[in-house]
Amino acid sequence: MKVPEDLIEKAQVLDGFYIPPRYPSGFPEGAPFEHYNRRHSSEAIRYAREILDFVSSHLAE
């Protein structure tokens, strides 16, 4: 199965939302909530849905 390059890039964006917010020292300064906004959240949800749709469509094969 060939994964489209744009989905790989979207997964890389989602990776950036995983580790830093989980740890107090994940950012040089400020709390994690100070580094994200509504646009980041909407984009992350959209990317995750696209990835899940791709995976779901290939699991059925």
C-alpha atoms as a PDB file:
ATOM      1  CA  MET A   1       0.000   0.000   0.000  1.00  0.00           C
ATOM      2  CA  LYS A   2       1.365   3.369  -1.035  1.00  0.00           C
ATOM      3  CA  VAL A   3       0.632   6.174   1.422  1.00  0.00           C
ATOM      4  CA  PRO A   4       0.156   9.554  -0.257  1.00  0.00           C
ATOM      5  CA  GLU A   5       2.869  12.081   0.566  1.00  0.00           C
ATOM      6  CA  ASP A   6       0.335  14.647   1.787  1.00  0.00           C
ATOM      7  CA  LEU A   7      -0.926  12.195   4.432  1.00  0.00           C
ATOM      8  CA  ILE A   8       2.622  11.594   5.619  1.00  0.00           C
ATOM      9  CA  GLU A   9       3.098  15.345   5.971  1.00  0.00           C
ATOM     10  CA  LYS A  10      -0.173  15.646   7.882  1.00  0.00           C
ATOM     11  CA  ALA A  11       0.918  12.859  10.216  1.00  0.00           C
ATOM     12  CA  GLN A  12       4.151  14.769  10.841  1.00  0.00           C
ATOM     13  CA  VAL A  13       2.117  17.835  11.816  1.00  0.00           C
ATOM     14  CA  LEU A  14       0.104  15.690  14.240  1.00  0.00           C
ATOM     15  CA  ASP A  15       3.345  14.355  15.752  1.00  0.00           C
ATOM     16  CA  GLY A  16       4.127  17.906  16.845  1.00  0.00           C
ATOM     17  CA  PHE A  17       0.921  17.962  18.891  1.00  0.00           C
ATOM     18  CA  TYR A  18       1.743  14.772  20.777  1.00  0.00           C
ATOM     19  CA  ILE A  19       4.982  14.981  22.760  1.00  0.00           C
ATOM     20  CA  PRO A  20       5.535  18.661  23.659  1.00  0.00           C
ATOM     21  CA  PRO A  21       2.132  19.224  25.334  1.00  0.00           C
ATOM     22  CA  ARG A  22       2.533  16.129  27.500  1.00  0.00           C
ATOM     23  CA  TYR A  23       5.607  17.287  29.350  1.00  0.00           C
ATOM     24  CA  PRO A  24       6.168  20.422  31.441  1.00  0.00           C
ATOM     25  CA  SER A  25       9.495  21.030  29.727  1.00  0.00           C
ATOM     26  CA  GLY A  26       8.115  20.367  26.231  1.00  0.00           C
ATOM     27  CA  PHE A  27       8.276  24.079  25.406  1.00  0.00           C
ATOM     28  CA  PRO A  28      11.059  26.529  26.236  1.00  0.00           C
ATOM     29  CA  GLU A  29       8.593  28.745  28.088  1.00  0.00           C
ATOM     30  CA  GLY A  30       4.893  28.960  28.816  1.00  0.00           C
ATOM     31  CA  ALA A  31       2.245  26.349  29.368  1.00  0.00           C
ATOM     32  CA  PRO A  32       1.227  24.074  26.479  1.00  0.00           C
ATOM     33  CA  PHE A  33      -2.181  25.733  26.142  1.00  0.00           C
ATOM     34  CA  GLU A  34      -0.414  28.987  25.304  1.00  0.00           C
ATOM     35  CA  HIS A  35       1.103  27.452  22.170  1.00  0.00           C
ATOM     36  CA  TYR A  36      -2.086  26.275  20.447  1.00  0.00           C
ATOM     37  CA  ASN A  37      -5.270  27.926  19.262  1.00  0.00           C
ATOM     38  CA  ARG A  38      -8.611  27.030  17.683  1.00  0.00           C
ATOM     39  CA  ARG A  39      -7.077  26.927  14.189  1.00  0.00           C
ATOM     40  CA  HIS A  40      -4.459  24.389  15.315  1.00  0.00           C
ATOM     41  CA  SER A  41      -7.198  22.256  16.855  1.00  0.00           C
ATOM     42  CA  SER A  42      -9.409  22.348  13.772  1.00  0.00           C
ATOM     43  CA  GLU A  43      -6.487  21.517  11.501  1.00  0.00           C
ATOM     44  CA  ALA A  44      -5.392  18.603  13.694  1.00  0.00           C
ATOM     45  CA  ILE A  45      -8.903  17.137  13.770  1.00  0.00           C
ATOM     46  CA  ARG A  46      -9.221  17.455   9.990  1.00  0.00           C
ATOM     47  CA  TYR A  47      -5.839  15.808   9.420  1.00  0.00           C
ATOM     48  CA  ALA A  48      -6.633  12.983  11.824  1.00  0.00           C
ATOM     49  CA  ARG A  49      -9.953  12.320  10.061  1.00  0.00           C
ATOM     50  CA  GLU A  50      -8.252  12.199   6.665  1.00  0.00           C
ATOM     51  CA  ILE A  51      -5.682   9.716   7.962  1.00  0.00           C
ATOM     52  CA  LEU A  52      -8.323   7.555   9.648  1.00  0.00           C
ATOM     53  CA  ASP A  53     -10.447   7.562   6.483  1.00  0.00           C
ATOM     54  CA  PHE A  54      -7.446   6.428   4.447  1.00  0.00           C
ATOM     55  CA  VAL A  55      -6.591   3.655   6.896  1.00  0.00           C
ATOM     56  CA  SER A  56     -10.224   2.522   7.189  1.00  0.00           C
ATOM     57  CA  SER A  57     -10.614   2.301   3.426  1.00  0.00           C
ATOM     58  CA  HIS A  58      -7.515   0.126   3.189  1.00  0.00           C
ATOM     59  CA  LEU A  59      -8.434  -2.173   6.064  1.00  0.00           C
ATOM     60  CA  ALA A  60     -11.514  -3.252   4.142  1.00  0.00           C
ATOM     61  CA  GLU A  61      -9.381  -4.578   1.269  1.00  0.00           C
END
